[in-house]
PDB file of N, CA and C in Angstrom:
ATOM      1  N   MET A   1     109.378  99.045  96.507  1.00  0.00           N
ATOM      2  CA  MET A   1     110.109  99.991  97.311  1.00  0.00           C
ATOM      3  C   MET A   1     110.292 101.275  96.506  1.00  0.00           C
ATOM      4  N   LEU A   2     110.098 102.393  97.185  1.00  0.00           N
ATOM      5  CA  LEU A   2     110.330 103.705  96.602  1.00  0.00           C
ATOM      6  C   LEU A   2     111.427 104.394  97.396  1.00  0.00           C
ATOM      7  N   HIS A   3     112.300 105.112  96.711  1.00  0.00           N
ATOM      8  CA  HIS A   3     113.339 105.894  97.386  1.00  0.00           C
ATOM      9  C   HIS A   3     113.200 107.327  96.919  1.00  0.00           C
ATOM     10  N   ALA A   4     112.940 108.234  97.855  1.00  0.00           N
ATOM     11  CA  ALA A   4     112.736 109.648  97.537  1.00  0.00           C
ATOM     12  C   ALA A   4     113.861 110.463  98.164  1.00  0.00           C
ATOM     13  N   ASN A   5     114.872 110.763  97.380  1.00  0.00           N
ATOM     14  CA  ASN A   5     116.026 111.517  97.857  1.00  0.00           C
ATOM     15  C   ASN A   5     115.832 112.999  97.536  1.00  0.00           C
ATOM     16  N   GLY A   6     115.497 113.803  98.550  1.00  0.00           N
ATOM     17  CA  GLY A   6     115.322 115.241  98.370  1.00  0.00           C
ATOM     18  C   GLY A   6     114.001 115.657  97.775  1.00  0.00           C
ATOM     19  N   LEU A   7     113.138 114.734  97.446  1.00  0.00           N
ATOM     20  CA  LEU A   7     111.865 115.050  96.808  1.00  0.00           C
ATOM     21  C   LEU A   7     110.991 115.955  97.671  1.00  0.00           C
ATOM     22  N   LEU A   8     110.940 115.695  98.960  1.00  0.00           N
ATOM     23  CA  LEU A   8     110.027 116.427  99.830  1.00  0.00           C
ATOM     24  C   LEU A   8     110.420 117.887 100.002  1.00  0.00           C
ATOM     25  N   SER A   9     111.658 118.243  99.778  1.00  0.00           N
ATOM     26  CA  SER A   9     112.087 119.645  99.885  1.00  0.00           C
ATOM     27  C   SER A   9     111.365 120.526  98.883  1.00  0.00           C
ATOM     28  N   HIS A  10     110.950 119.974  97.784  1.00  0.00           N
ATOM     29  CA  HIS A  10     110.249 120.735  96.760  1.00  0.00           C
ATOM     30  C   HIS A  10     108.781 120.945  97.099  1.00  0.00           C
ATOM     31  N   LEU A  11     108.274 120.222  98.092  1.00  0.00           N
ATOM     32  CA  LEU A  11     106.848 120.282  98.421  1.00  0.00           C
ATOM     33  C   LEU A  11     106.562 120.903  99.774  1.00  0.00           C
ATOM     34  N   THR A  12     107.563 121.360 100.516  1.00  0.00           N
ATOM     35  CA  THR A  12     107.340 121.811 101.888  1.00  0.00           C
ATOM     36  C   THR A  12     106.460 123.046 101.971  1.00  0.00           C
ATOM     37  N   SER A  13     106.421 123.884 100.953  1.00  0.00           N
ATOM     38  CA  SER A  13     105.600 125.089 101.020  1.00  0.00           C
ATOM     39  C   SER A  13     104.122 124.787 100.794  1.00  0.00           C
ATOM     40  N   GLU A  14     103.832 123.625 100.256  1.00  0.00           N
ATOM     41  CA  GLU A  14     102.452 123.257  99.975  1.00  0.00           C
ATOM     42  C   GLU A  14     102.146 121.921 100.633  1.00  0.00           C
ATOM     43  N   ARG A  15     101.794 121.955 101.911  1.00  0.00           N
ATOM     44  CA  ARG A  15     101.588 120.730 102.674  1.00  0.00           C
ATOM     45  C   ARG A  15     100.505 119.837 102.073  1.00  0.00           C
ATOM     46  N   CYS A  16      99.509 120.435 101.477  1.00  0.00           N
ATOM     47  CA  CYS A  16      98.436 119.655 100.872  1.00  0.00           C
ATOM     48  C   CYS A  16      98.990 118.737  99.791  1.00  0.00           C
ATOM     49  N   ASN A  17      99.905 119.247  98.979  1.00  0.00           N
ATOM     50  CA  ASN A  17     100.481 118.419  97.931  1.00  0.00           C
ATOM     51  C   ASN A  17     101.308 117.282  98.501  1.00  0.00           C
ATOM     52  N   MET A  18     101.955 117.512  99.651  1.00  0.00           N
ATOM     53  CA  MET A  18     102.737 116.450 100.267  1.00  0.00           C
ATOM     54  C   MET A  18     101.814 115.319 100.730  1.00  0.00           C
ATOM     55  N   MET A  19     100.662 115.657 101.273  1.00  0.00           N
ATOM     56  CA  MET A  19      99.720 114.621 101.691  1.00  0.00           C
ATOM     57  C   MET A  19      99.203 113.861 100.482  1.00  0.00           C
ATOM     58  N   ASN A  20      98.938 114.560  99.386  1.00  0.00           N
ATOM     59  CA  ASN A  20      98.501 113.876  98.164  1.00  0.00           C
ATOM     60  C   ASN A  20      99.579 112.920  97.667  1.00  0.00           C
ATOM     61  N   LEU A  21     100.838 113.322  97.762  1.00  0.00           N
ATOM     62  CA  LEU A  21     101.953 112.451  97.380  1.00  0.00           C
ATOM     63  C   LEU A  21     101.983 111.201  98.251  1.00  0.00           C
ATOM     64  N   PHE A  22     101.797 111.372  99.561  1.00  0.00           N
ATOM     65  CA  PHE A  22     101.808 110.232 100.476  1.00  0.00           C
ATOM     66  C   PHE A  22     100.661 109.273 100.166  1.00  0.00           C
ATOM     67  N   LEU A  23      99.499 109.808  99.871  1.00  0.00           N
ATOM     68  CA  LEU A  23      98.352 108.952  99.556  1.00  0.00           C
ATOM     69  C   LEU A  23      98.579 108.159  98.269  1.00  0.00           C
ATOM     70  N   GLU A  24      99.199 108.794  97.272  1.00  0.00           N
ATOM     71  CA  GLU A  24      99.499 108.073  96.031  1.00  0.00           C
ATOM     72  C   GLU A  24     100.568 107.012  96.266  1.00  0.00           C
ATOM     73  N   MET A  25     101.581 107.333  97.068  1.00  0.00           N
ATOM     74  CA  MET A  25     102.597 106.332  97.408  1.00  0.00           C
ATOM     75  C   MET A  25     101.959 105.156  98.141  1.00  0.00           C
ATOM     76  N   ASP A  26     101.031 105.451  99.034  1.00  0.00           N
ATOM     77  CA  ASP A  26     100.332 104.399  99.776  1.00  0.00           C
ATOM     78  C   ASP A  26      99.583 103.474  98.823  1.00  0.00           C
ATOM     79  N   ARG A  27      98.948 104.051  97.819  1.00  0.00           N
ATOM     80  CA  ARG A  27      98.217 103.255  96.837  1.00  0.00           C
ATOM     81  C   ARG A  27      99.170 102.355  96.053  1.00  0.00           C
ATOM     82  N   ILE A  28     100.315 102.898  95.665  1.00  0.00           N
ATOM     83  CA  ILE A  28     101.287 102.137  94.881  1.00  0.00           C
ATOM     84  C   ILE A  28     101.913 101.020  95.712  1.00  0.00           C
ATOM     85  N   LEU A  29     102.189 101.289  96.973  1.00  0.00           N
ATOM     86  CA  LEU A  29     102.948 100.363  97.802  1.00  0.00           C
ATOM     87  C   LEU A  29     102.122  99.250  98.440  1.00  0.00           C
ATOM     88  N   HIS A  30     100.811  99.351  98.397  1.00  0.00           N
ATOM     89  CA  HIS A  30     100.012  98.309  99.056  1.00  0.00           C
ATOM     90  C   HIS A  30     100.209  96.968  98.386  1.00  0.00           C
ATOM     91  N   PRO A  31     100.250  95.884  99.100  1.00  0.00           N
ATOM     92  CA  PRO A  31      99.970  95.738 100.520  1.00  0.00           C
ATOM     93  C   PRO A  31     101.197  95.848 101.426  1.00  0.00           C
ATOM     94  N   GLU A  32     102.387  95.569 100.958  1.00  0.00           N
ATOM     95  CA  GLU A  32     103.538  95.563 101.860  1.00  0.00           C
ATOM     96  C   GLU A  32     104.766  96.197 101.227  1.00  0.00           C
ATOM     97  N   GLY A  33     104.657  97.453 100.838  1.00  0.00           N
ATOM     98  CA  GLY A  33     105.790  98.135 100.229  1.00  0.00           C
ATOM     99  C   GLY A  33     106.558  98.971 101.242  1.00  0.00           C
ATOM    100  N   TRP A  34     107.680  99.484 100.796  1.00  0.00           N
ATOM    101  CA  TRP A  34     108.549 100.328 101.613  1.00  0.00           C
ATOM    102  C   TRP A  34     108.813 101.629 100.882  1.00  0.00           C
ATOM    103  N   VAL A  35     108.978 102.697 101.654  1.00  0.00           N
ATOM    104  CA  VAL A  35     109.438 103.960 101.088  1.00  0.00           C
ATOM    105  C   VAL A  35     110.540 104.498 101.996  1.00  0.00           C
ATOM    106  N   ILE A  36     111.583 105.026 101.384  1.00  0.00           N
ATOM    107  CA  ILE A  36     112.689 105.630 102.129  1.00  0.00           C
ATOM    108  C   ILE A  36     112.829 107.064 101.657  1.00  0.00           C
ATOM    109  N   PHE A  37     112.671 107.992 102.603  1.00  0.00           N
ATOM    110  CA  PHE A  37     112.845 109.409 102.323  1.00  0.00           C
ATOM    111  C   PHE A  37     114.203 109.840 102.847  1.00  0.00           C
ATOM    112  N   SER A  38     114.919 110.621 102.086  1.00  0.00           N
ATOM    113  CA  SER A  38     116.189 111.184 102.508  1.00  0.00           C
ATOM    114  C   SER A  38     116.086 112.691 102.361  1.00  0.00           C
ATOM    115  N   ASN A  39     116.235 113.415 103.504  1.00  0.00           N
ATOM    116  CA  ASN A  39     116.091 114.861 103.463  1.00  0.00           C
ATOM    117  C   ASN A  39     116.636 115.454 104.740  1.00  0.00           C
ATOM    118  N   ASN A  40     116.478 116.786 104.900  1.00  0.00           N
ATOM    119  CA  ASN A  40     116.966 117.412 106.133  1.00  0.00           C
ATOM    120  C   ASN A  40     115.990 117.177 107.281  1.00  0.00           C
ATOM    121  N   MET A  41     116.447 117.460 108.484  1.00  0.00           N
ATOM    122  CA  MET A  41     115.714 117.103 109.695  1.00  0.00           C
ATOM    123  C   MET A  41     114.311 117.714 109.746  1.00  0.00           C
ATOM    124  N   GLY A  42     114.164 118.979 109.384  1.00  0.00           N
ATOM    125  CA  GLY A  42     112.850 119.625 109.447  1.00  0.00           C
ATOM    126  C   GLY A  42     111.832 118.987 108.530  1.00  0.00           C
ATOM    127  N   VAL A  43     112.240 118.676 107.332  1.00  0.00           N
ATOM    128  CA  VAL A  43     111.337 118.052 106.364  1.00  0.00           C
ATOM    129  C   VAL A  43     110.996 116.632 106.795  1.00  0.00           C
ATOM    130  N   ILE A  44     111.967 115.912 107.319  1.00  0.00           N
ATOM    131  CA  ILE A  44     111.723 114.540 107.781  1.00  0.00           C
ATOM    132  C   ILE A  44     110.757 114.535 108.964  1.00  0.00           C
ATOM    133  N   ASP A  45     110.862 115.511 109.863  1.00  0.00           N
ATOM    134  CA  ASP A  45     109.918 115.590 110.984  1.00  0.00           C
ATOM    135  C   ASP A  45     108.491 115.784 110.480  1.00  0.00           C
ATOM    136  N   MET A  46     108.305 116.662 109.478  1.00  0.00           N
ATOM    137  CA  MET A  46     106.979 116.882 108.910  1.00  0.00           C
ATOM    138  C   MET A  46     106.490 115.611 108.218  1.00  0.00           C
ATOM    139  N   ALA A  47     107.377 114.942 107.500  1.00  0.00           N
ATOM    140  CA  ALA A  47     107.006 113.711 106.802  1.00  0.00           C
ATOM    141  C   ALA A  47     106.638 112.607 107.787  1.00  0.00           C
ATOM    142  N   CYS A  48     107.308 112.559 108.923  1.00  0.00           N
ATOM    143  CA  CYS A  48     107.003 111.561 109.947  1.00  0.00           C
ATOM    144  C   CYS A  48     105.582 111.761 110.479  1.00  0.00           C
ATOM    145  N   THR A  49     105.191 113.015 110.661  1.00  0.00           N
ATOM    146  CA  THR A  49     103.834 113.329 111.106  1.00  0.00           C
ATOM    147  C   THR A  49     102.811 112.876 110.068  1.00  0.00           C
ATOM    148  N   LEU A  50     103.087 113.149 108.810  1.00  0.00           N
ATOM    149  CA  LEU A  50     102.169 112.731 107.744  1.00  0.00           C
ATOM    150  C   LEU A  50     102.125 111.213 107.612  1.00  0.00           C
ATOM    151  N   ALA A  51     103.254 110.558 107.812  1.00  0.00           N
ATOM    152  CA  ALA A  51     103.293 109.093 107.745  1.00  0.00           C
ATOM    153  C   ALA A  51     102.377 108.483 108.808  1.00  0.00           C
ATOM    154  N   ALA A  52     102.354 109.089 109.978  1.00  0.00           N
ATOM    155  CA  ALA A  52     101.461 108.601 111.037  1.00  0.00           C
ATOM    156  C   ALA A  52      99.996 108.792 110.643  1.00  0.00           C
ATOM    157  N   GLN A  53      99.690 109.886 109.950  1.00  0.00           N
ATOM    158  CA  GLN A  53      98.313 110.130 109.515  1.00  0.00           C
ATOM    159  C   GLN A  53      97.866 109.114 108.457  1.00  0.00           C
ATOM    160  N   VAL A  54      98.809 108.635 107.649  1.00  0.00           N
ATOM    161  CA  VAL A  54      98.497 107.624 106.639  1.00  0.00           C
ATOM    162  C   VAL A  54      98.543 106.218 107.252  1.00  0.00           C
ATOM    163  N   ARG A  55      98.935 106.153 108.517  1.00  0.00           N
ATOM    164  CA  ARG A  55      99.033 104.908 109.291  1.00  0.00           C
ATOM    165  C   ARG A  55     100.155 104.001 108.819  1.00  0.00           C
ATOM    166  N   TRP A  56     101.273 104.631 108.488  1.00  0.00           N
ATOM    167  CA  TRP A  56     102.474 103.888 108.166  1.00  0.00           C
ATOM    168  C   TRP A  56     103.309 103.720 109.411  1.00  0.00           C
ATOM    169  N   GLU A  57     104.006 102.632 109.511  1.00  0.00           N
ATOM    170  CA  GLU A  57     105.029 102.477 110.535  1.00  0.00           C
ATOM    171  C   GLU A  57     106.247 103.236 110.036  1.00  0.00           C
ATOM    172  N   ALA A  58     106.760 104.148 110.858  1.00  0.00           N
ATOM    173  CA  ALA A  58     107.858 105.003 110.399  1.00  0.00           C
ATOM    174  C   ALA A  58     108.981 105.035 111.428  1.00  0.00           C
ATOM    175  N   ARG A  59     110.202 105.110 110.912  1.00  0.00           N
ATOM    176  CA  ARG A  59     111.371 105.177 111.785  1.00  0.00           C
ATOM    177  C   ARG A  59     112.361 106.170 111.180  1.00  0.00           C
ATOM    178  N   VAL A  60     112.841 107.101 112.014  1.00  0.00           N
ATOM    179  CA  VAL A  60     113.828 108.091 111.582  1.00  0.00           C
ATOM    180  C   VAL A  60     115.218 107.572 111.909  1.00  0.00           C
ATOM    181  N   ILE A  61     116.112 107.672 110.940  1.00  0.00           N
ATOM    182  CA  ILE A  61     117.488 107.212 111.119  1.00  0.00           C
ATOM    183  C   ILE A  61     118.424 108.397 110.938  1.00  0.00           C
ATOM    184  N   ASP A  62     119.262 108.645 111.941  1.00  0.00           N
ATOM    185  CA  ASP A  62     120.276 109.697 111.886  1.00  0.00           C
ATOM    186  C   ASP A  62     121.503 109.129 111.184  1.00  0.00           C
ATOM    187  N   LEU A  63     121.977 109.814 110.164  1.00  0.00           N
ATOM    188  CA  LEU A  63     123.124 109.312 109.398  1.00  0.00           C
ATOM    189  C   LEU A  63     124.454 109.527 110.106  1.00  0.00           C
ATOM    190  N   GLN A  64     124.493 110.348 111.139  1.00  0.00           N
ATOM    191  CA  GLN A  64     125.685 110.598 111.958  1.00  0.00           C
ATOM    192  C   GLN A  64     126.903 110.991 111.136  1.00  0.00           C
ATOM    193  N   ASN A  65     126.688 111.822 110.140  1.00  0.00           N
ATOM    194  CA  ASN A  65     127.802 112.303 109.334  1.00  0.00           C
ATOM    195  C   ASN A  65     128.076 113.790 109.560  1.00  0.00           C
ATOM    196  N   GLY A  66     127.535 114.335 110.631  1.00  0.00           N
ATOM    197  CA  GLY A  66     127.745 115.738 110.953  1.00  0.00           C
ATOM    198  C   GLY A  66     126.810 116.702 110.257  1.00  0.00           C
ATOM    199  N   SER A  67     125.892 116.204 109.447  1.00  0.00           N
ATOM    200  CA  SER A  67     124.934 117.079 108.772  1.00  0.00           C
ATOM    201  C   SER A  67     123.551 116.865 109.387  1.00  0.00           C
ATOM    202  N   ASP A  68     122.589 117.631 108.894  1.00  0.00           N
ATOM    203  CA  ASP A  68     121.223 117.461 109.393  1.00  0.00           C
ATOM    204  C   ASP A  68     120.414 116.515 108.513  1.00  0.00           C
ATOM    205  N   GLN A  69     121.059 115.738 107.660  1.00  0.00           N
ATOM    206  CA  GLN A  69     120.373 114.766 106.814  1.00  0.00           C
ATOM    207  C   GLN A  69     119.872 113.586 107.644  1.00  0.00           C
ATOM    208  N   ARG A  70     118.650 113.182 107.347  1.00  0.00           N
ATOM    209  CA  ARG A  70     118.040 112.036 108.035  1.00  0.00           C
ATOM    210  C   ARG A  70     117.373 111.144 106.997  1.00  0.00           C
ATOM    211  N   LEU A  71     117.148 109.911 107.384  1.00  0.00           N
ATOM    212  CA  LEU A  71     116.359 108.983 106.594  1.00  0.00           C
ATOM    213  C   LEU A  71     115.058 108.704 107.345  1.00  0.00           C
ATOM    214  N   LEU A  72     113.996 108.587 106.612  1.00  0.00           N
ATOM    215  CA  LEU A  72     112.714 108.160 107.167  1.00  0.00           C
ATOM    216  C   LEU A  72     112.330 106.897 106.424  1.00  0.00           C
ATOM    217  N   VAL A  73     112.266 105.794 107.149  1.00  0.00           N
ATOM    218  CA  VAL A  73     111.926 104.499 106.562  1.00  0.00           C
ATOM    219  C   VAL A  73     110.504 104.156 106.982  1.00  0.00           C
ATOM    220  N   CYS A  74     109.654 103.955 105.998  1.00  0.00           N
ATOM    221  CA  CYS A  74     108.243 103.646 106.271  1.00  0.00           C
ATOM    222  C   CYS A  74     107.875 102.343 105.585  1.00  0.00           C
TER     223      CYS A  74
END
């Protein structure tokens, strides 16, 4: 299991690097690993799209704390 809290915010300007990160995570997590991303809604939406391209099962969880923070569980 990998937990990435805020990591994707540093990569949003370079989408190519985010895909490379996802591919490396996929390699590490095979065959049945989990990754949990914690970030703001915009970044999580982009990550959800990339997760589908890597063919991960992904689910967005709203923390319901009044902020735009979300979890993406893949």
